[in-house]
Amino acid sequence: MQVVNFTEARNNLKRLLDDVVDDADYTVINRRDSADAVVMGLDYFNGIMETLHLLESPANAKHLMESIAQYREGQTKNKDLLDD
């Protein structure tokens, strides 16, 4: 995460946008007389939205957390993919 003031963001907008897209990160733009804002690449935003959607359901969130715990404990099995 990077924090820049409004003037720096305006003067370096192309670099700021390239950075958030290339680094899959976000930048906070600090504004003196208004609320701060966040700039991020669309892929990063979509990833956050997908995560929120998956965790929205308590049952789905529980299932995902159990699956992650099983993976971390080495309780996984490799399976071959089916050919088309």
PDB file of N, CA and C in Angstrom:
ATOM      1  N   MET A   1       0.839  -1.174   0.000  1.00  0.00           N
ATOM      2  CA  MET A   1       0.000   0.000   0.000  1.00  0.00           C
ATOM      3  C   MET A   1       0.884   1.238   0.000  1.00  0.00           C
ATOM      4  N   GLN A   2       0.411   2.199  -0.729  1.00  0.00           N
ATOM      5  CA  GLN A   2       1.110   3.472  -0.829  1.00  0.00           C
ATOM      6  C   GLN A   2       0.116   4.570  -0.464  1.00  0.00           C
ATOM      7  N   VAL A   3       0.589   5.631   0.168  1.00  0.00           N
ATOM      8  CA  VAL A   3      -0.241   6.781   0.482  1.00  0.00           C
ATOM      9  C   VAL A   3       0.385   7.997  -0.175  1.00  0.00           C
ATOM     10  N   VAL A   4      -0.420   8.726  -0.952  1.00  0.00           N
ATOM     11  CA  VAL A   4       0.061   9.938  -1.610  1.00  0.00           C
ATOM     12  C   VAL A   4      -0.959  11.046  -1.390  1.00  0.00           C
ATOM     13  N   ASN A   5      -0.500  12.281  -1.486  1.00  0.00           N
ATOM     14  CA  ASN A   5      -1.452  13.379  -1.383  1.00  0.00           C
ATOM     15  C   ASN A   5      -2.086  13.628  -2.748  1.00  0.00           C
ATOM     16  N   PHE A   6      -3.148  14.421  -2.762  1.00  0.00           N
ATOM     17  CA  PHE A   6      -3.907  14.648  -3.980  1.00  0.00           C
ATOM     18  C   PHE A   6      -3.048  15.246  -5.085  1.00  0.00           C
ATOM     19  N   THR A   7      -2.225  16.213  -4.750  1.00  0.00           N
ATOM     20  CA  THR A   7      -1.389  16.875  -5.756  1.00  0.00           C
ATOM     21  C   THR A   7      -0.428  15.886  -6.394  1.00  0.00           C
ATOM     22  N   GLU A   8       0.211  15.053  -5.575  1.00  0.00           N
ATOM     23  CA  GLU A   8       1.129  14.046  -6.113  1.00  0.00           C
ATOM     24  C   GLU A   8       0.386  13.058  -7.007  1.00  0.00           C
ATOM     25  N   ALA A   9      -0.804  12.650  -6.597  1.00  0.00           N
ATOM     26  CA  ALA A   9      -1.600  11.714  -7.409  1.00  0.00           C
ATOM     27  C   ALA A   9      -1.961  12.348  -8.748  1.00  0.00           C
ATOM     28  N   ARG A  10      -2.390  13.595  -8.718  1.00  0.00           N
ATOM     29  CA  ARG A  10      -2.773  14.281  -9.959  1.00  0.00           C
ATOM     30  C   ARG A  10      -1.573  14.454 -10.879  1.00  0.00           C
ATOM     31  N   ASN A  11      -0.426  14.827 -10.315  1.00  0.00           N
ATOM     32  CA  ASN A  11       0.767  15.072 -11.125  1.00  0.00           C
ATOM     33  C   ASN A  11       1.393  13.795 -11.668  1.00  0.00           C
ATOM     34  N   ASN A  12       1.115  12.674 -11.037  1.00  0.00           N
ATOM     35  CA  ASN A  12       1.728  11.402 -11.425  1.00  0.00           C
ATOM     36  C   ASN A  12       0.672  10.324 -11.653  1.00  0.00           C
ATOM     37  N   LEU A  13      -0.468  10.710 -12.209  1.00  0.00           N
ATOM     38  CA  LEU A  13      -1.592   9.780 -12.326  1.00  0.00           C
ATOM     39  C   LEU A  13      -1.238   8.532 -13.133  1.00  0.00           C
ATOM     40  N   LYS A  14      -0.572   8.683 -14.258  1.00  0.00           N
ATOM     41  CA  LYS A  14      -0.233   7.512 -15.074  1.00  0.00           C
ATOM     42  C   LYS A  14       0.648   6.536 -14.299  1.00  0.00           C
ATOM     43  N   ARG A  15       1.671   7.035 -13.633  1.00  0.00           N
ATOM     44  CA  ARG A  15       2.554   6.173 -12.845  1.00  0.00           C
ATOM     45  C   ARG A  15       1.784   5.508 -11.708  1.00  0.00           C
ATOM     46  N   LEU A  16       0.922   6.267 -11.034  1.00  0.00           N
ATOM     47  CA  LEU A  16       0.137   5.719  -9.932  1.00  0.00           C
ATOM     48  C   LEU A  16      -0.745   4.579 -10.431  1.00  0.00           C
ATOM     49  N   LEU A  17      -1.431   4.797 -11.559  1.00  0.00           N
ATOM     50  CA  LEU A  17      -2.292   3.758 -12.117  1.00  0.00           C
ATOM     51  C   LEU A  17      -1.490   2.544 -12.568  1.00  0.00           C
ATOM     52  N   ASP A  18      -0.360   2.787 -13.220  1.00  0.00           N
ATOM     53  CA  ASP A  18       0.500   1.670 -13.640  1.00  0.00           C
ATOM     54  C   ASP A  18       0.978   0.874 -12.435  1.00  0.00           C
ATOM     55  N   ASP A  19       1.354   1.567 -11.362  1.00  0.00           N
ATOM     56  CA  ASP A  19       1.849   0.888 -10.157  1.00  0.00           C
ATOM     57  C   ASP A  19       0.784  -0.007  -9.530  1.00  0.00           C
ATOM     58  N   VAL A  20      -0.445   0.504  -9.373  1.00  0.00           N
ATOM     59  CA  VAL A  20      -1.466  -0.322  -8.720  1.00  0.00           C
ATOM     60  C   VAL A  20      -1.835  -1.526  -9.570  1.00  0.00           C
ATOM     61  N   VAL A  21      -1.788  -1.373 -10.891  1.00  0.00           N
ATOM     62  CA  VAL A  21      -2.100  -2.506 -11.763  1.00  0.00           C
ATOM     63  C   VAL A  21      -0.946  -3.501 -11.776  1.00  0.00           C
ATOM     64  N   ASP A  22       0.272  -3.009 -11.951  1.00  0.00           N
ATOM     65  CA  ASP A  22       1.444  -3.893 -12.046  1.00  0.00           C
ATOM     66  C   ASP A  22       1.740  -4.615 -10.741  1.00  0.00           C
ATOM     67  N   ASP A  23       1.505  -3.952  -9.600  1.00  0.00           N
ATOM     68  CA  ASP A  23       1.846  -4.527  -8.297  1.00  0.00           C
ATOM     69  C   ASP A  23       0.673  -5.230  -7.627  1.00  0.00           C
ATOM     70  N   ALA A  24      -0.500  -5.235  -8.270  1.00  0.00           N
ATOM     71  CA  ALA A  24      -1.711  -5.813  -7.676  1.00  0.00           C
ATOM     72  C   ALA A  24      -1.876  -5.295  -6.243  1.00  0.00           C
ATOM     73  N   ASP A  25      -1.871  -3.987  -6.121  1.00  0.00           N
ATOM     74  CA  ASP A  25      -1.932  -3.328  -4.824  1.00  0.00           C
ATOM     75  C   ASP A  25      -2.908  -2.159  -4.927  1.00  0.00           C
ATOM     76  N   TYR A  26      -2.951  -1.345  -3.900  1.00  0.00           N
ATOM     77  CA  TYR A  26      -3.806  -0.172  -3.924  1.00  0.00           C
ATOM     78  C   TYR A  26      -3.046   1.024  -3.370  1.00  0.00           C
ATOM     79  N   THR A  27      -3.544   2.208  -3.685  1.00  0.00           N
ATOM     80  CA  THR A  27      -2.949   3.446  -3.204  1.00  0.00           C
ATOM     81  C   THR A  27      -4.045   4.293  -2.567  1.00  0.00           C
ATOM     82  N   VAL A  28      -3.748   4.844  -1.408  1.00  0.00           N
ATOM     83  CA  VAL A  28      -4.651   5.765  -0.733  1.00  0.00           C
ATOM     84  C   VAL A  28      -4.268   7.179  -1.147  1.00  0.00           C
ATOM     85  N   ILE A  29      -5.255   7.936  -1.582  1.00  0.00           N
ATOM     86  CA  ILE A  29      -5.023   9.332  -1.923  1.00  0.00           C
ATOM     87  C   ILE A  29      -5.558  10.177  -0.770  1.00  0.00           C
ATOM     88  N   ASN A  30      -4.643  10.860  -0.112  1.00  0.00           N
ATOM     89  CA  ASN A  30      -4.969  11.694   1.039  1.00  0.00           C
ATOM     90  C   ASN A  30      -5.386  13.070   0.545  1.00  0.00           C
ATOM     91  N   ARG A  31      -6.603  13.476   0.920  1.00  0.00           N
ATOM     92  CA  ARG A  31      -7.104  14.785   0.504  1.00  0.00           C
ATOM     93  C   ARG A  31      -7.278  15.650   1.739  1.00  0.00           C
ATOM     94  N   ARG A  32      -6.759  16.842   1.684  1.00  0.00           N
ATOM     95  CA  ARG A  32      -6.719  17.726   2.848  1.00  0.00           C
ATOM     96  C   ARG A  32      -8.111  18.074   3.369  1.00  0.00           C
ATOM     97  N   ASP A  33      -9.031  18.460   2.495  1.00  0.00           N
ATOM     98  CA  ASP A  33     -10.334  18.952   2.941  1.00  0.00           C
ATOM     99  C   ASP A  33     -11.488  18.003   2.637  1.00  0.00           C
ATOM    100  N   SER A  34     -11.178  16.774   2.259  1.00  0.00           N
ATOM    101  CA  SER A  34     -12.214  15.789   1.940  1.00  0.00           C
ATOM    102  C   SER A  34     -11.768  14.423   2.431  1.00  0.00           C
ATOM    103  N   ALA A  35     -12.687  13.486   2.356  1.00  0.00           N
ATOM    104  CA  ALA A  35     -12.363  12.118   2.751  1.00  0.00           C
ATOM    105  C   ALA A  35     -11.319  11.535   1.793  1.00  0.00           C
ATOM    106  N   ASP A  36     -10.470  10.673   2.318  1.00  0.00           N
ATOM    107  CA  ASP A  36      -9.465  10.015   1.494  1.00  0.00           C
ATOM    108  C   ASP A  36     -10.145   9.062   0.514  1.00  0.00           C
ATOM    109  N   ALA A  37      -9.422   8.693  -0.538  1.00  0.00           N
ATOM    110  CA  ALA A  37      -9.947   7.786  -1.548  1.00  0.00           C
ATOM    111  C   ALA A  37      -8.911   6.692  -1.813  1.00  0.00           C
ATOM    112  N   VAL A  38      -9.354   5.612  -2.439  1.00  0.00           N
ATOM    113  CA  VAL A  38      -8.478   4.486  -2.750  1.00  0.00           C
ATOM    114  C   VAL A  38      -8.519   4.228  -4.250  1.00  0.00           C
ATOM    115  N   VAL A  39      -7.337   3.965  -4.820  1.00  0.00           N
ATOM    116  CA  VAL A  39      -7.228   3.605  -6.230  1.00  0.00           C
ATOM    117  C   VAL A  39      -6.621   2.213  -6.291  1.00  0.00           C
ATOM    118  N   MET A  40      -7.246   1.336  -7.104  1.00  0.00           N
ATOM    119  CA  MET A  40      -6.716  -0.016  -7.268  1.00  0.00           C
ATOM    120  C   MET A  40      -7.038  -0.496  -8.670  1.00  0.00           C
ATOM    121  N   GLY A  41      -6.305  -1.493  -9.097  1.00  0.00           N
ATOM    122  CA  GLY A  41      -6.556  -2.087 -10.403  1.00  0.00           C
ATOM    123  C   GLY A  41      -7.837  -2.906 -10.375  1.00  0.00           C
ATOM    124  N   LEU A  42      -8.438  -3.069 -11.552  1.00  0.00           N
ATOM    125  CA  LEU A  42      -9.702  -3.794 -11.649  1.00  0.00           C
ATOM    126  C   LEU A  42      -9.558  -5.255 -11.226  1.00  0.00           C
ATOM    127  N   ASP A  43      -8.459  -5.914 -11.582  1.00  0.00           N
ATOM    128  CA  ASP A  43      -8.270  -7.315 -11.184  1.00  0.00           C
ATOM    129  C   ASP A  43      -8.216  -7.448  -9.665  1.00  0.00           C
ATOM    130  N   TYR A  44      -7.521  -6.521  -9.006  1.00  0.00           N
ATOM    131  CA  TYR A  44      -7.421  -6.527  -7.542  1.00  0.00           C
ATOM    132  C   TYR A  44      -8.814  -6.326  -6.934  1.00  0.00           C
ATOM    133  N   PHE A  45      -9.550  -5.363  -7.453  1.00  0.00           N
ATOM    134  CA  PHE A  45     -10.908  -5.087  -6.981  1.00  0.00           C
ATOM    135  C   PHE A  45     -11.802  -6.310  -7.164  1.00  0.00           C
ATOM    136  N   ASN A  46     -11.747  -6.924  -8.345  1.00  0.00           N
ATOM    137  CA  ASN A  46     -12.575  -8.104  -8.608  1.00  0.00           C
ATOM    138  C   ASN A  46     -12.230  -9.248  -7.665  1.00  0.00           C
ATOM    139  N   GLY A  47     -10.947  -9.407  -7.332  1.00  0.00           N
ATOM    140  CA  GLY A  47     -10.538 -10.439  -6.381  1.00  0.00           C
ATOM    141  C   GLY A  47     -11.127 -10.201  -5.001  1.00  0.00           C
ATOM    142  N   ILE A  48     -11.132  -8.951  -4.570  1.00  0.00           N
ATOM    143  CA  ILE A  48     -11.720  -8.605  -3.278  1.00  0.00           C
ATOM    144  C   ILE A  48     -13.222  -8.883  -3.290  1.00  0.00           C
ATOM    145  N   MET A  49     -13.888  -8.489  -4.370  1.00  0.00           N
ATOM    146  CA  MET A  49     -15.326  -8.700  -4.466  1.00  0.00           C
ATOM    147  C   MET A  49     -15.672 -10.195  -4.471  1.00  0.00           C
ATOM    148  N   GLU A  50     -14.851 -10.990  -5.161  1.00  0.00           N
ATOM    149  CA  GLU A  50     -15.086 -12.437  -5.186  1.00  0.00           C
ATOM    150  C   GLU A  50     -14.912 -13.036  -3.792  1.00  0.00           C
ATOM    151  N   THR A  51     -13.885 -12.611  -3.082  1.00  0.00           N
ATOM    152  CA  THR A  51     -13.654 -13.096  -1.726  1.00  0.00           C
ATOM    153  C   THR A  51     -14.817 -12.729  -0.815  1.00  0.00           C
ATOM    154  N   LEU A  52     -15.283 -11.493  -0.907  1.00  0.00           N
ATOM    155  CA  LEU A  52     -16.433 -11.078  -0.097  1.00  0.00           C
ATOM    156  C   LEU A  52     -17.663 -11.919  -0.413  1.00  0.00           C
ATOM    157  N   HIS A  53     -17.879 -12.181  -1.684  1.00  0.00           N
ATOM    158  CA  HIS A  53     -19.024 -13.004  -2.081  1.00  0.00           C
ATOM    159  C   HIS A  53     -18.912 -14.415  -1.505  1.00  0.00           C
ATOM    160  N   LEU A  54     -17.727 -15.004  -1.591  1.00  0.00           N
ATOM    161  CA  LEU A  54     -17.547 -16.369  -1.094  1.00  0.00           C
ATOM    162  C   LEU A  54     -17.704 -16.449   0.425  1.00  0.00           C
ATOM    163  N   LEU A  55     -17.326 -15.392   1.134  1.00  0.00           N
ATOM    164  CA  LEU A  55     -17.392 -15.402   2.595  1.00  0.00           C
ATOM    165  C   LEU A  55     -18.720 -14.867   3.127  1.00  0.00           C
ATOM    166  N   GLU A  56     -19.598 -14.418   2.239  1.00  0.00           N
ATOM    167  CA  GLU A  56     -20.874 -13.836   2.629  1.00  0.00           C
ATOM    168  C   GLU A  56     -21.765 -14.845   3.344  1.00  0.00           C
ATOM    169  N   SER A  57     -21.768 -16.056   2.867  1.00  0.00           N
ATOM    170  CA  SER A  57     -22.572 -17.117   3.470  1.00  0.00           C
ATOM    171  C   SER A  57     -21.779 -17.748   4.619  1.00  0.00           C
ATOM    172  N   PRO A  58     -22.318 -17.745   5.827  1.00  0.00           N
ATOM    173  CA  PRO A  58     -21.603 -18.367   6.950  1.00  0.00           C
ATOM    174  C   PRO A  58     -21.253 -19.835   6.697  1.00  0.00           C
ATOM    175  N   ALA A  59     -22.161 -20.568   6.058  1.00  0.00           N
ATOM    176  CA  ALA A  59     -21.893 -21.985   5.776  1.00  0.00           C
ATOM    177  C   ALA A  59     -20.742 -22.122   4.785  1.00  0.00           C
ATOM    178  N   ASN A  60     -20.721 -21.286   3.750  1.00  0.00           N
ATOM    179  CA  ASN A  60     -19.652 -21.345   2.759  1.00  0.00           C
ATOM    180  C   ASN A  60     -18.323 -20.922   3.384  1.00  0.00           C
ATOM    181  N   ALA A  61     -18.350 -19.885   4.215  1.00  0.00           N
ATOM    182  CA  ALA A  61     -17.132 -19.428   4.888  1.00  0.00           C
ATOM    183  C   ALA A  61     -16.567 -20.536   5.779  1.00  0.00           C
ATOM    184  N   LYS A  62     -17.436 -21.227   6.503  1.00  0.00           N
ATOM    185  CA  LYS A  62     -16.991 -22.332   7.368  1.00  0.00           C
ATOM    186  C   LYS A  62     -16.356 -23.441   6.533  1.00  0.00           C
ATOM    187  N   HIS A  63     -17.011 -23.800   5.426  1.00  0.00           N
ATOM    188  CA  HIS A  63     -16.487 -24.851   4.554  1.00  0.00           C
ATOM    189  C   HIS A  63     -15.113 -24.459   3.996  1.00  0.00           C
ATOM    190  N   LEU A  64     -14.973 -23.209   3.557  1.00  0.00           N
ATOM    191  CA  LEU A  64     -13.681 -22.747   3.022  1.00  0.00           C
ATOM    192  C   LEU A  64     -12.590 -22.790   4.084  1.00  0.00           C
ATOM    193  N   MET A  65     -12.900 -22.340   5.289  1.00  0.00           N
ATOM    194  CA  MET A  65     -11.902 -22.348   6.371  1.00  0.00           C
ATOM    195  C   MET A  65     -11.486 -23.779   6.731  1.00  0.00           C
ATOM    196  N   GLU A  66     -12.443 -24.693   6.735  1.00  0.00           N
ATOM    197  CA  GLU A  66     -12.119 -26.100   6.996  1.00  0.00           C
ATOM    198  C   GLU A  66     -11.228 -26.659   5.886  1.00  0.00           C
ATOM    199  N   SER A  67     -11.521 -26.303   4.658  1.00  0.00           N
ATOM    200  CA  SER A  67     -10.723 -26.775   3.524  1.00  0.00           C
ATOM    201  C   SER A  67      -9.302 -26.235   3.599  1.00  0.00           C
ATOM    202  N   ILE A  68      -9.165 -24.975   3.949  1.00  0.00           N
ATOM    203  CA  ILE A  68      -7.827 -24.372   4.089  1.00  0.00           C
ATOM    204  C   ILE A  68      -7.058 -25.062   5.210  1.00  0.00           C
ATOM    205  N   ALA A  69      -7.720 -25.341   6.323  1.00  0.00           N
ATOM    206  CA  ALA A  69      -7.063 -26.030   7.439  1.00  0.00           C
ATOM    207  C   ALA A  69      -6.606 -27.421   7.020  1.00  0.00           C
ATOM    208  N   GLN A  70      -7.443 -28.145   6.268  1.00  0.00           N
ATOM    209  CA  GLN A  70      -7.062 -29.475   5.784  1.00  0.00           C
ATOM    210  C   GLN A  70      -5.848 -29.385   4.862  1.00  0.00           C
ATOM    211  N   TYR A  71      -5.837 -28.412   3.998  1.00  0.00           N
ATOM    212  CA  TYR A  71      -4.697 -28.221   3.092  1.00  0.00           C
ATOM    213  C   TYR A  71      -3.424 -27.958   3.888  1.00  0.00           C
ATOM    214  N   ARG A  72      -3.494 -27.080   4.866  1.00  0.00           N
ATOM    215  CA  ARG A  72      -2.309 -26.734   5.672  1.00  0.00           C
ATOM    216  C   ARG A  72      -1.807 -27.920   6.492  1.00  0.00           C
ATOM    217  N   GLU A  73      -2.707 -28.816   6.846  1.00  0.00           N
ATOM    218  CA  GLU A  73      -2.332 -29.996   7.620  1.00  0.00           C
ATOM    219  C   GLU A  73      -1.906 -31.159   6.726  1.00  0.00           C
ATOM    220  N   GLY A  74      -1.866 -30.922   5.428  1.00  0.00           N
ATOM    221  CA  GLY A  74      -1.433 -31.961   4.499  1.00  0.00           C
ATOM    222  C   GLY A  74      -2.469 -33.039   4.241  1.00  0.00           C
ATOM    223  N   GLN A  75      -3.704 -32.754   4.513  1.00  0.00           N
ATOM    224  CA  GLN A  75      -4.778 -33.735   4.323  1.00  0.00           C
ATOM    225  C   GLN A  75      -5.417 -33.563   2.945  1.00  0.00           C
ATOM    226  N   THR A  76      -4.594 -33.629   1.920  1.00  0.00           N
ATOM    227  CA  THR A  76      -5.102 -33.484   0.558  1.00  0.00           C
ATOM    228  C   THR A  76      -4.771 -34.721  -0.252  1.00  0.00           C
ATOM    229  N   LYS A  77      -5.498 -34.890  -1.334  1.00  0.00           N
ATOM    230  CA  LYS A  77      -5.254 -36.001  -2.245  1.00  0.00           C
ATOM    231  C   LYS A  77      -5.123 -35.442  -3.648  1.00  0.00           C
ATOM    232  N   ASN A  78      -4.157 -35.937  -4.402  1.00  0.00           N
ATOM    233  CA  ASN A  78      -4.021 -35.554  -5.800  1.00  0.00           C
ATOM    234  C   ASN A  78      -4.874 -36.479  -6.659  1.00  0.00           C
ATOM    235  N   LYS A  79      -5.572 -35.879  -7.601  1.00  0.00           N
ATOM    236  CA  LYS A  79      -6.399 -36.673  -8.509  1.00  0.00           C
ATOM    237  C   LYS A  79      -6.085 -36.233  -9.926  1.00  0.00           C
ATOM    238  N   ASP A  80      -6.125 -37.191 -10.830  1.00  0.00           N
ATOM    239  CA  ASP A  80      -5.924 -36.870 -12.239  1.00  0.00           C
ATOM    240  C   ASP A  80      -7.156 -36.190 -12.795  1.00  0.00           C
ATOM    241  N   LEU A  81      -6.925 -35.260 -13.712  1.00  0.00           N
ATOM    242  CA  LEU A  81      -8.040 -34.598 -14.380  1.00  0.00           C
ATOM    243  C   LEU A  81      -8.574 -35.500 -15.483  1.00  0.00           C
ATOM    244  N   LEU A  82      -9.860 -35.368 -15.725  1.00  0.00           N
ATOM    245  CA  LEU A  82     -10.466 -36.144 -16.801  1.00  0.00           C
ATOM    246  C   LEU A  82     -10.136 -35.512 -18.133  1.00  0.00           C
ATOM    247  N   ASP A  83      -9.884 -36.336 -19.131  1.00  0.00           N
ATOM    248  CA  ASP A  83      -9.653 -35.804 -20.476  1.00  0.00           C
ATOM    249  C   ASP A  83     -11.001 -35.509 -21.115  1.00  0.00           C
ATOM    250  N   ASP A  84     -11.032 -34.491 -21.969  1.00  0.00           N
ATOM    251  CA  ASP A  84     -12.268 -34.141 -22.668  1.00  0.00           C
ATOM    252  C   ASP A  84     -12.584 -35.114 -23.758  1.00  0.00           C
TER     253      ASP A  84
END
